Amino acid sequence: VGGLFAYKLYRTLSAAQKALPKMERA
């Protein structure tokens, strides 16, 4: 469960970093 949580957290942070420039422009 801890491993799955860490994986999900990594994916969420990765998606947030990719979306940040678009959010700043918006």
PDB file of all heavy atoms in Angstrom:
ATOM      1  N   VAL A   1       0.834  -1.200   0.000  1.00  0.00           N
ATOM      2  CA  VAL A   1       0.000   0.000   0.000  1.00  0.00           C
ATOM      3  C   VAL A   1       0.869   1.251   0.000  1.00  0.00           C
ATOM      4  O   VAL A   1       0.586   2.225  -0.698  1.00  0.00           O
ATOM      5  CB  VAL A   1      -0.976  -0.016   1.194  1.00  0.00           C
ATOM      6  CG1 VAL A   1      -1.676   1.319   1.366  1.00  0.00           C
ATOM      7  CG2 VAL A   1      -2.000  -1.124   1.018  1.00  0.00           C
ATOM      8  N   GLY A   2       1.946   1.234   0.758  1.00  0.00           N
ATOM      9  CA  GLY A   2       2.873   2.367   0.770  1.00  0.00           C
ATOM     10  C   GLY A   2       3.518   2.587  -0.588  1.00  0.00           C
ATOM     11  O   GLY A   2       3.670   3.726  -1.036  1.00  0.00           O
ATOM     12  N   GLY A   3       3.875   1.507  -1.250  1.00  0.00           N
ATOM     13  CA  GLY A   3       4.448   1.623  -2.585  1.00  0.00           C
ATOM     14  C   GLY A   3       3.456   2.188  -3.589  1.00  0.00           C
ATOM     15  O   GLY A   3       3.812   3.035  -4.415  1.00  0.00           O
ATOM     16  N   LEU A   4       2.222   1.737  -3.517  1.00  0.00           N
ATOM     17  CA  LEU A   4       1.191   2.271  -4.411  1.00  0.00           C
ATOM     18  C   LEU A   4       0.945   3.748  -4.137  1.00  0.00           C
ATOM     19  O   LEU A   4       0.757   4.543  -5.066  1.00  0.00           O
ATOM     20  CB  LEU A   4      -0.109   1.485  -4.245  1.00  0.00           C
ATOM     21  CG  LEU A   4      -0.108   0.079  -4.818  1.00  0.00           C
ATOM     22  CD1 LEU A   4      -1.404  -0.647  -4.455  1.00  0.00           C
ATOM     23  CD2 LEU A   4       0.073   0.098  -6.317  1.00  0.00           C
ATOM     24  N   PHE A   5       0.946   4.123  -2.870  1.00  0.00           N
ATOM     25  CA  PHE A   5       0.759   5.529  -2.513  1.00  0.00           C
ATOM     26  C   PHE A   5       1.904   6.380  -3.060  1.00  0.00           C
ATOM     27  O   PHE A   5       1.676   7.455  -3.618  1.00  0.00           O
ATOM     28  CB  PHE A   5       0.676   5.687  -0.999  1.00  0.00           C
ATOM     29  CG  PHE A   5       0.600   7.111  -0.554  1.00  0.00           C
ATOM     30  CD1 PHE A   5      -0.563   7.846  -0.727  1.00  0.00           C
ATOM     31  CD2 PHE A   5       1.694   7.721   0.030  1.00  0.00           C
ATOM     32  CE1 PHE A   5      -0.633   9.163  -0.326  1.00  0.00           C
ATOM     33  CE2 PHE A   5       1.635   9.034   0.437  1.00  0.00           C
ATOM     34  CZ  PHE A   5       0.465   9.762   0.268  1.00  0.00           C
ATOM     35  N   ALA A   6       3.128   5.908  -2.922  1.00  0.00           N
ATOM     36  CA  ALA A   6       4.282   6.652  -3.430  1.00  0.00           C
ATOM     37  C   ALA A   6       4.211   6.785  -4.951  1.00  0.00           C
ATOM     38  O   ALA A   6       4.500   7.853  -5.502  1.00  0.00           O
ATOM     39  CB  ALA A   6       5.574   5.955  -3.014  1.00  0.00           C
ATOM     40  N   TYR A   7       3.805   5.731  -5.643  1.00  0.00           N
ATOM     41  CA  TYR A   7       3.668   5.770  -7.098  1.00  0.00           C
ATOM     42  C   TYR A   7       2.598   6.774  -7.516  1.00  0.00           C
ATOM     43  O   TYR A   7       2.796   7.568  -8.428  1.00  0.00           O
ATOM     44  CB  TYR A   7       3.325   4.368  -7.615  1.00  0.00           C
ATOM     45  CG  TYR A   7       3.044   4.319  -9.095  1.00  0.00           C
ATOM     46  CD1 TYR A   7       4.069   4.451 -10.016  1.00  0.00           C
ATOM     47  CD2 TYR A   7       1.749   4.142  -9.569  1.00  0.00           C
ATOM     48  CE1 TYR A   7       3.815   4.417 -11.383  1.00  0.00           C
ATOM     49  CE2 TYR A   7       1.484   4.105 -10.925  1.00  0.00           C
ATOM     50  CZ  TYR A   7       2.514   4.241 -11.826  1.00  0.00           C
ATOM     51  OH  TYR A   7       2.247   4.206 -13.168  1.00  0.00           O
ATOM     52  N   LYS A   8       1.463   6.746  -6.831  1.00  0.00           N
ATOM     53  CA  LYS A   8       0.370   7.669  -7.153  1.00  0.00           C
ATOM     54  C   LYS A   8       0.799   9.114  -6.881  1.00  0.00           C
ATOM     55  O   LYS A   8       0.491  10.026  -7.657  1.00  0.00           O
ATOM     56  CB  LYS A   8      -0.859   7.306  -6.317  1.00  0.00           C
ATOM     57  CG  LYS A   8      -2.081   8.070  -6.656  1.00  0.00           C
ATOM     58  CD  LYS A   8      -2.622   7.647  -7.995  1.00  0.00           C
ATOM     59  CE  LYS A   8      -3.974   8.276  -8.227  1.00  0.00           C
ATOM     60  NZ  LYS A   8      -4.511   7.977  -9.523  1.00  0.00           N
ATOM     61  N   LEU A   9       1.506   9.335  -5.802  1.00  0.00           N
ATOM     62  CA  LEU A   9       2.001  10.673  -5.471  1.00  0.00           C
ATOM     63  C   LEU A   9       2.978  11.162  -6.537  1.00  0.00           C
ATOM     64  O   LEU A   9       2.920  12.315  -6.973  1.00  0.00           O
ATOM     65  CB  LEU A   9       2.668  10.666  -4.103  1.00  0.00           C
ATOM     66  CG  LEU A   9       3.204  11.991  -3.588  1.00  0.00           C
ATOM     67  CD1 LEU A   9       2.048  12.979  -3.393  1.00  0.00           C
ATOM     68  CD2 LEU A   9       3.940  11.791  -2.278  1.00  0.00           C
ATOM     69  N   TYR A  10       3.870  10.292  -6.989  1.00  0.00           N
ATOM     70  CA  TYR A  10       4.834  10.645  -8.034  1.00  0.00           C
ATOM     71  C   TYR A  10       4.107  11.036  -9.322  1.00  0.00           C
ATOM     72  O   TYR A  10       4.442  12.033  -9.954  1.00  0.00           O
ATOM     73  CB  TYR A  10       5.778   9.469  -8.291  1.00  0.00           C
ATOM     74  CG  TYR A  10       6.669   9.667  -9.486  1.00  0.00           C
ATOM     75  CD1 TYR A  10       7.767  10.517  -9.422  1.00  0.00           C
ATOM     76  CD2 TYR A  10       6.395   9.037 -10.691  1.00  0.00           C
ATOM     77  CE1 TYR A  10       8.581  10.721 -10.533  1.00  0.00           C
ATOM     78  CE2 TYR A  10       7.191   9.226 -11.799  1.00  0.00           C
ATOM     79  CZ  TYR A  10       8.282  10.068 -11.716  1.00  0.00           C
ATOM     80  OH  TYR A  10       9.071  10.265 -12.814  1.00  0.00           O
ATOM     81  N   ARG A  11       3.097  10.253  -9.705  1.00  0.00           N
ATOM     82  CA  ARG A  11       2.347  10.566 -10.930  1.00  0.00           C
ATOM     83  C   ARG A  11       1.596  11.881 -10.805  1.00  0.00           C
ATOM     84  O   ARG A  11       1.533  12.663 -11.745  1.00  0.00           O
ATOM     85  CB  ARG A  11       1.374   9.438 -11.248  1.00  0.00           C
ATOM     86  CG  ARG A  11       2.098   8.218 -11.758  1.00  0.00           C
ATOM     87  CD  ARG A  11       1.168   7.243 -12.370  1.00  0.00           C
ATOM     88  NE  ARG A  11       0.286   7.927 -13.325  1.00  0.00           N
ATOM     89  CZ  ARG A  11      -0.519   7.311 -14.143  1.00  0.00           C
ATOM     90  NH1 ARG A  11      -0.553   6.008 -14.152  1.00  0.00           N
ATOM     91  NH2 ARG A  11      -1.297   7.973 -14.969  1.00  0.00           N
ATOM     92  N   THR A  12       1.033  12.148  -9.630  1.00  0.00           N
ATOM     93  CA  THR A  12       0.294  13.393  -9.423  1.00  0.00           C
ATOM     94  C   THR A  12       1.225  14.590  -9.489  1.00  0.00           C
ATOM     95  O   THR A  12       0.910  15.604 -10.117  1.00  0.00           O
ATOM     96  CB  THR A  12      -0.420  13.361  -8.056  1.00  0.00           C
ATOM     97  OG1 THR A  12      -1.286  12.219  -8.026  1.00  0.00           O
ATOM     98  CG2 THR A  12      -1.227  14.608  -7.818  1.00  0.00           C
ATOM     99  N   LEU A  13       2.378  14.489  -8.856  1.00  0.00           N
ATOM    100  CA  LEU A  13       3.343  15.588  -8.898  1.00  0.00           C
ATOM    101  C   LEU A  13       3.873  15.808 -10.307  1.00  0.00           C
ATOM    102  O   LEU A  13       4.069  16.952 -10.731  1.00  0.00           O
ATOM    103  CB  LEU A  13       4.497  15.315  -7.935  1.00  0.00           C
ATOM    104  CG  LEU A  13       4.161  15.420  -6.452  1.00  0.00           C
ATOM    105  CD1 LEU A  13       5.355  15.002  -5.612  1.00  0.00           C
ATOM    106  CD2 LEU A  13       3.716  16.818  -6.094  1.00  0.00           C
ATOM    107  N   SER A  14       4.076  14.740 -11.033  1.00  0.00           N
ATOM    108  CA  SER A  14       4.540  14.862 -12.412  1.00  0.00           C
ATOM    109  C   SER A  14       3.505  15.576 -13.271  1.00  0.00           C
ATOM    110  O   SER A  14       3.850  16.472 -14.055  1.00  0.00           O
ATOM    111  CB  SER A  14       4.831  13.470 -12.972  1.00  0.00           C
ATOM    112  OG  SER A  14       5.210  13.551 -14.321  1.00  0.00           O
ATOM    113  N   ALA A  15       2.254  15.203 -13.114  1.00  0.00           N
ATOM    114  CA  ALA A  15       1.190  15.859 -13.884  1.00  0.00           C
ATOM    115  C   ALA A  15       1.060  17.328 -13.498  1.00  0.00           C
ATOM    116  O   ALA A  15       0.835  18.188 -14.352  1.00  0.00           O
ATOM    117  CB  ALA A  15      -0.137  15.132 -13.658  1.00  0.00           C
ATOM    118  N   ALA A  16       1.213  17.624 -12.226  1.00  0.00           N
ATOM    119  CA  ALA A  16       1.108  19.017 -11.774  1.00  0.00           C
ATOM    120  C   ALA A  16       2.259  19.854 -12.339  1.00  0.00           C
ATOM    121  O   ALA A  16       2.054  21.013 -12.732  1.00  0.00           O
ATOM    122  CB  ALA A  16       1.116  19.069 -10.254  1.00  0.00           C
ATOM    123  N   GLN A  17       3.443  19.294 -12.388  1.00  0.00           N
ATOM    124  CA  GLN A  17       4.578  20.033 -12.942  1.00  0.00           C
ATOM    125  C   GLN A  17       4.398  20.274 -14.438  1.00  0.00           C
ATOM    126  O   GLN A  17       4.785  21.321 -14.954  1.00  0.00           O
ATOM    127  CB  GLN A  17       5.877  19.284 -12.683  1.00  0.00           C
ATOM    128  CG  GLN A  17       6.332  19.369 -11.246  1.00  0.00           C
ATOM    129  CD  GLN A  17       7.598  18.574 -11.000  1.00  0.00           C
ATOM    130  OE1 GLN A  17       7.992  17.740 -11.809  1.00  0.00           O
ATOM    131  NE2 GLN A  17       8.239  18.831  -9.876  1.00  0.00           N
ATOM    132  N   LYS A  18       3.814  19.318 -15.143  1.00  0.00           N
ATOM    133  CA  LYS A  18       3.578  19.498 -16.572  1.00  0.00           C
ATOM    134  C   LYS A  18       2.503  20.551 -16.821  1.00  0.00           C
ATOM    135  O   LYS A  18       2.547  21.269 -17.821  1.00  0.00           O
ATOM    136  CB  LYS A  18       3.161  18.181 -17.213  1.00  0.00           C
ATOM    137  CG  LYS A  18       4.297  17.187 -17.322  1.00  0.00           C
ATOM    138  CD  LYS A  18       3.816  15.877 -17.908  1.00  0.00           C
ATOM    139  CE  LYS A  18       4.936  14.848 -17.927  1.00  0.00           C
ATOM    140  NZ  LYS A  18       4.463  13.539 -18.399  1.00  0.00           N
ATOM    141  N   ALA A  19       1.521  20.643 -15.937  1.00  0.00           N
ATOM    142  CA  ALA A  19       0.400  21.578 -16.130  1.00  0.00           C
ATOM    143  C   ALA A  19       0.712  22.983 -15.617  1.00  0.00           C
ATOM    144  O   ALA A  19      -0.025  23.922 -15.935  1.00  0.00           O
ATOM    145  CB  ALA A  19      -0.831  21.048 -15.418  1.00  0.00           C
ATOM    146  N   LEU A  20       1.759  23.145 -14.846  1.00  0.00           N
ATOM    147  CA  LEU A  20       2.058  24.443 -14.234  1.00  0.00           C
ATOM    148  C   LEU A  20       2.224  25.572 -15.246  1.00  0.00           C
ATOM    149  O   LEU A  20       1.635  26.643 -15.057  1.00  0.00           O
ATOM    150  CB  LEU A  20       3.294  24.331 -13.333  1.00  0.00           C
ATOM    151  CG  LEU A  20       3.658  25.563 -12.535  1.00  0.00           C
ATOM    152  CD1 LEU A  20       2.525  25.937 -11.582  1.00  0.00           C
ATOM    153  CD2 LEU A  20       4.945  25.339 -11.766  1.00  0.00           C
ATOM    154  N   PRO A  21       2.994  25.432 -16.326  1.00  0.00           N
ATOM    155  CA  PRO A  21       3.122  26.535 -17.280  1.00  0.00           C
ATOM    156  C   PRO A  21       1.780  26.962 -17.882  1.00  0.00           C
ATOM    157  O   PRO A  21       1.514  28.158 -18.044  1.00  0.00           O
ATOM    158  CB  PRO A  21       4.054  25.992 -18.362  1.00  0.00           C
ATOM    159  CG  PRO A  21       4.804  24.894 -17.726  1.00  0.00           C
ATOM    160  CD  PRO A  21       3.877  24.318 -16.698  1.00  0.00           C
ATOM    161  N   LYS A  22       0.916  25.993 -18.187  1.00  0.00           N
ATOM    162  CA  LYS A  22      -0.399  26.327 -18.736  1.00  0.00           C
ATOM    163  C   LYS A  22      -1.240  27.069 -17.706  1.00  0.00           C
ATOM    164  O   LYS A  22      -1.961  28.006 -18.051  1.00  0.00           O
ATOM    165  CB  LYS A  22      -1.119  25.065 -19.182  1.00  0.00           C
ATOM    166  CG  LYS A  22      -0.492  24.409 -20.388  1.00  0.00           C
ATOM    167  CD  LYS A  22      -1.241  23.156 -20.776  1.00  0.00           C
ATOM    168  CE  LYS A  22      -0.557  22.469 -21.944  1.00  0.00           C
ATOM    169  NZ  LYS A  22      -1.222  21.225 -22.307  1.00  0.00           N
ATOM    170  N   MET A  23      -1.155  26.641 -16.462  1.00  0.00           N
ATOM    171  CA  MET A  23      -1.930  27.298 -15.402  1.00  0.00           C
ATOM    172  C   MET A  23      -1.444  28.728 -15.182  1.00  0.00           C
ATOM    173  O   MET A  23      -2.248  29.644 -14.971  1.00  0.00           O
ATOM    174  CB  MET A  23      -1.835  26.489 -14.105  1.00  0.00           C
ATOM    175  CG  MET A  23      -2.460  25.118 -14.183  1.00  0.00           C
ATOM    176  SD  MET A  23      -4.232  25.174 -14.434  1.00  0.00           S
ATOM    177  CE  MET A  23      -4.750  25.729 -12.834  1.00  0.00           C
ATOM    178  N   GLU A  24      -0.128  28.932 -15.222  1.00  0.00           N
ATOM    179  CA  GLU A  24       0.409  30.284 -15.060  1.00  0.00           C
ATOM    180  C   GLU A  24      -0.045  31.187 -16.211  1.00  0.00           C
ATOM    181  O   GLU A  24      -0.438  32.335 -15.995  1.00  0.00           O
ATOM    182  CB  GLU A  24       1.934  30.245 -14.988  1.00  0.00           C
ATOM    183  CG  GLU A  24       2.462  29.679 -13.693  1.00  0.00           C
ATOM    184  CD  GLU A  24       3.972  29.531 -13.690  1.00  0.00           C
ATOM    185  OE1 GLU A  24       4.587  29.520 -14.784  1.00  0.00           O
ATOM    186  OE2 GLU A  24       4.534  29.419 -12.593  1.00  0.00           O
ATOM    187  N   ARG A  25      -0.013  30.664 -17.435  1.00  0.00           N
ATOM    188  CA  ARG A  25      -0.455  31.440 -18.599  1.00  0.00           C
ATOM    189  C   ARG A  25      -1.955  31.761 -18.494  1.00  0.00           C
ATOM    190  O   ARG A  25      -2.377  32.887 -18.784  1.00  0.00           O
ATOM    191  CB  ARG A  25      -0.160  30.660 -19.884  1.00  0.00           C
ATOM    192  CG  ARG A  25      -0.575  31.373 -21.137  1.00  0.00           C
ATOM    193  CD  ARG A  25       0.256  32.618 -21.387  1.00  0.00           C
ATOM    194  NE  ARG A  25      -0.235  33.277 -22.581  1.00  0.00           N
ATOM    195  CZ  ARG A  25      -0.342  34.577 -22.729  1.00  0.00           C
ATOM    196  NH1 ARG A  25       0.051  35.376 -21.770  1.00  0.00           N
ATOM    197  NH2 ARG A  25      -0.812  35.089 -23.838  1.00  0.00           N
ATOM    198  N   ALA A  26      -2.750  30.809 -18.064  1.00  0.00           N
ATOM    199  CA  ALA A  26      -4.184  31.036 -17.897  1.00  0.00           C
ATOM    200  C   ALA A  26      -4.443  32.086 -16.827  1.00  0.00           C
ATOM    201  O   ALA A  26      -5.331  32.936 -16.983  1.00  0.00           O
ATOM    202  CB  ALA A  26      -4.884  29.731 -17.544  1.00  0.00           C
TER     203      ALA A  26
END
